[in-house]
Amino acid sequence: MFILFHIFVPLLCVEILLLIKKEKKPEIHIFWIILGSIFPDLIDKPLSLIFGIVGGRGYFHTPLLLGIISLILFLLTKNKNLALSFGIGTLFHLLLDIPAVPWLWPIVPITIYESKIEDFFYTLFNNPLVYSTEIVGFIGLFWIGISKKIIFHHSIINWHQLQNYLFIPQKH
């Protein structure tokens, strides 16, 4: 799970979209994008470790189920922008997990294979892809923190700005 990279990429794309969109700007809920960007792993990774199957990319890595969850979120909140923000986050997660995403489930069954916690930690500490993407994610999130005045030179984190950035819809 490349948590920092999974969070940074959708945030970067949203920031770029909001910068170049001149006319009516969409209301983007950053918190829900972040939650959506890590949601599939928050569910599938623990299930994989508990049951030792699916390898961490199971049913919550399927577009159908994540679309249904976004729809349920819309029905519960009646806020289409919030549900759309969550959906954007999950879509980016799936795109970043290519090719190991079961795109066509339930038409094509999910490939089930045994997964061991040792394999997870081995990959985490020995795969250069993990290091490089997480470094990019850290630097990118740091850059967003500075550009949004969340990180200041006189304080590590400006909690008020962080709360504004996360919980107040962004329109720029």
Protein backbone atom coordinates (compact mmCIF):
# COMPACT_ATOMS: atom_id res chain seq x y z
CA MET A 1 0.00 0.00 0.00
CA PHE A 2 1.61 3.21 -1.18
CA ILE A 3 -0.42 5.40 1.15
CA LEU A 4 1.34 8.73 0.53
CA PHE A 5 1.41 8.25 -3.24
CA HIS A 6 -2.25 7.14 -3.28
CA ILE A 7 -3.17 10.35 -1.46
CA PHE A 8 -0.87 12.70 -3.39
CA VAL A 9 -1.78 11.78 -6.98
CA PRO A 10 -5.53 12.55 -6.77
CA LEU A 11 -4.83 15.72 -4.77
CA LEU A 12 -2.32 16.87 -7.39
CA CYS A 13 -4.80 16.22 -10.21
CA VAL A 14 -7.56 18.09 -8.37
CA GLU A 15 -5.24 21.03 -7.71
CA ILE A 16 -4.30 21.16 -11.39
CA LEU A 17 -7.96 20.90 -12.44
CA LEU A 18 -8.96 23.74 -10.13
CA LEU A 19 -6.09 25.91 -11.41
CA ILE A 20 -6.92 25.52 -15.09
CA LYS A 21 -10.72 25.54 -14.86
CA LYS A 22 -11.70 29.16 -15.49
CA GLU A 23 -15.51 29.02 -15.52
CA LYS A 24 -17.72 27.57 -12.78
CA LYS A 25 -15.45 25.61 -10.48
CA PRO A 26 -16.67 22.35 -8.99
CA GLU A 27 -16.97 21.97 -5.25
CA ILE A 28 -14.30 19.47 -4.22
CA HIS A 29 -14.25 17.81 -0.79
CA ILE A 30 -10.58 17.10 -0.09
CA PHE A 31 -11.24 14.90 2.96
CA TRP A 32 -13.48 12.61 0.87
CA ILE A 33 -10.93 12.44 -1.93
CA ILE A 34 -8.29 11.39 0.59
CA LEU A 35 -10.60 8.84 2.21
CA GLY A 36 -11.59 7.48 -1.22
CA SER A 37 -7.95 7.26 -2.29
CA ILE A 38 -7.09 4.88 0.55
CA PHE A 39 -10.51 3.26 1.15
CA PRO A 40 -9.96 0.12 -0.97
CA ASP A 41 -6.79 -0.70 0.97
CA LEU A 42 -8.38 0.15 4.32
CA ILE A 43 -10.83 -2.69 3.73
CA ASP A 44 -9.07 -5.23 1.49
CA LYS A 45 -5.62 -5.24 3.15
CA PRO A 46 -6.90 -6.15 6.64
CA LEU A 47 -9.24 -8.76 5.15
CA SER A 48 -6.31 -10.20 3.24
CA LEU A 49 -4.14 -10.36 6.34
CA ILE A 50 -6.92 -11.82 8.50
CA PHE A 51 -8.07 -14.47 6.03
CA GLY A 52 -4.84 -14.90 4.07
CA ILE A 53 -6.57 -14.71 0.70
CA VAL A 54 -6.98 -12.36 -2.25
CA GLY A 55 -3.58 -10.67 -1.76
CA GLY A 56 -4.96 -7.30 -0.72
CA ARG A 57 -6.88 -6.50 -3.91
CA GLY A 58 -10.26 -8.04 -3.49
CA TYR A 59 -13.86 -6.94 -3.75
CA PHE A 60 -13.19 -3.38 -2.54
CA HIS A 61 -10.82 -2.91 -5.48
CA THR A 62 -13.65 -3.43 -7.98
CA PRO A 63 -15.21 -0.48 -9.82
CA LEU A 64 -18.71 -1.93 -9.41
CA LEU A 65 -18.56 -2.16 -5.60
CA LEU A 66 -16.86 1.22 -5.23
CA GLY A 67 -19.47 2.78 -7.50
CA ILE A 68 -22.20 1.30 -5.32
CA ILE A 69 -20.48 2.67 -2.20
CA SER A 70 -20.28 6.14 -3.78
CA LEU A 71 -24.01 5.90 -4.65
CA ILE A 72 -24.84 4.87 -1.07
CA LEU A 73 -22.76 7.78 0.20
CA PHE A 74 -24.76 10.12 -2.05
CA LEU A 75 -28.07 8.67 -0.86
CA LEU A 76 -27.02 9.05 2.79
CA THR A 77 -25.63 12.58 2.51
CA LYS A 78 -27.67 13.97 -0.44
CA ASN A 79 -24.44 15.72 -1.44
CA LYS A 80 -23.40 14.82 -4.98
CA ASN A 81 -20.08 16.69 -4.74
CA LEU A 82 -19.10 14.79 -1.60
CA ALA A 83 -19.96 11.42 -3.19
CA LEU A 84 -18.21 12.47 -6.41
CA SER A 85 -15.10 13.45 -4.45
CA PHE A 86 -15.06 10.02 -2.79
CA GLY A 87 -15.54 8.39 -6.20
CA ILE A 88 -12.66 10.40 -7.68
CA GLY A 89 -10.39 9.24 -4.86
CA THR A 90 -11.33 5.59 -5.33
CA LEU A 91 -10.98 5.81 -9.11
CA PHE A 92 -7.45 7.16 -8.76
CA HIS A 93 -6.67 4.35 -6.34
CA LEU A 94 -7.78 1.77 -8.88
CA LEU A 95 -5.82 3.45 -11.67
CA LEU A 96 -2.69 3.45 -9.52
CA ASP A 97 -3.15 -0.25 -8.77
CA ILE A 98 -3.25 -1.30 -12.44
CA PRO A 99 -2.80 -4.12 -13.56
CA ALA A 100 -3.84 -5.97 -10.41
CA VAL A 101 -7.39 -4.57 -10.25
CA PRO A 102 -10.33 -6.90 -10.90
CA TRP A 103 -11.98 -4.45 -13.35
CA LEU A 104 -14.57 -6.85 -14.71
CA TRP A 105 -15.82 -8.43 -11.49
CA PRO A 106 -18.45 -10.03 -11.26
CA ILE A 107 -18.19 -11.09 -14.92
CA VAL A 108 -14.63 -12.29 -14.40
CA PRO A 109 -13.96 -13.78 -10.94
CA ILE A 110 -11.35 -12.29 -8.65
CA THR A 111 -8.14 -14.27 -8.69
CA ILE A 112 -7.64 -15.67 -5.22
CA TYR A 113 -4.15 -16.46 -4.06
CA GLU A 114 -2.59 -16.99 -0.69
CA SER A 115 -1.13 -13.92 0.92
CA LYS A 116 1.23 -13.93 3.87
CA ILE A 117 2.05 -11.01 6.10
CA GLU A 118 5.75 -11.77 5.61
CA ASP A 119 5.36 -11.19 1.86
CA PHE A 120 3.74 -7.83 2.53
CA PHE A 121 6.59 -6.65 4.76
CA TYR A 122 9.24 -8.05 2.44
CA THR A 123 7.81 -6.04 -0.45
CA LEU A 124 7.39 -2.99 1.75
CA PHE A 125 11.06 -2.93 2.74
CA ASN A 126 12.75 -4.40 -0.35
CA ASN A 127 10.92 -3.07 -3.40
CA PRO A 128 12.45 0.15 -4.82
CA LEU A 129 9.09 1.06 -6.38
CA VAL A 130 7.67 1.38 -2.88
CA TYR A 131 10.48 3.68 -1.79
CA SER A 132 10.39 5.92 -4.85
CA THR A 133 6.62 6.38 -4.95
CA GLU A 134 6.41 7.06 -1.24
CA ILE A 135 9.23 9.61 -1.47
CA VAL A 136 7.39 11.33 -4.35
CA GLY A 137 4.17 11.20 -2.31
CA PHE A 138 5.86 12.68 0.77
CA ILE A 139 7.50 15.50 -1.19
CA GLY A 140 4.25 16.20 -3.06
CA LEU A 141 2.14 16.31 0.09
CA PHE A 142 4.77 18.54 1.73
CA TRP A 143 4.56 20.87 -1.30
CA ILE A 144 0.75 20.98 -1.07
CA GLY A 145 1.06 21.67 2.66
CA ILE A 146 3.35 24.62 2.01
CA SER A 147 1.32 25.99 -0.91
CA LYS A 148 -1.90 25.83 1.12
CA LYS A 149 -0.17 27.42 4.13
CA ILE A 150 -0.76 24.30 6.19
CA ILE A 151 2.96 24.09 6.97
CA PHE A 152 4.62 27.30 8.18
CA HIS A 153 8.18 28.13 9.10
CA HIS A 154 7.10 29.16 12.62
CA SER A 155 4.94 26.10 13.25
CA ILE A 156 5.06 22.60 11.89
CA ILE A 157 1.35 22.35 11.13
CA ASN A 158 -1.21 25.13 11.08
CA TRP A 159 -4.19 23.13 12.33
CA HIS A 160 -6.71 25.81 11.36
CA GLN A 161 -5.50 25.84 7.74
CA LEU A 162 -5.39 22.03 7.70
CA GLN A 163 -9.00 21.86 8.88
CA ASN A 164 -10.01 24.47 6.28
CA TYR A 165 -8.24 22.54 3.53
CA LEU A 166 -9.68 19.16 4.54
CA PHE A 167 -13.22 20.00 5.55
CA ILE A 168 -14.23 23.18 3.72
CA PRO A 169 -15.02 22.43 0.08
CA GLN A 170 -12.34 23.82 -2.24
CA LYS A 171 -13.33 26.10 -5.10
CA HIS A 172 -10.17 28.20 -5.45
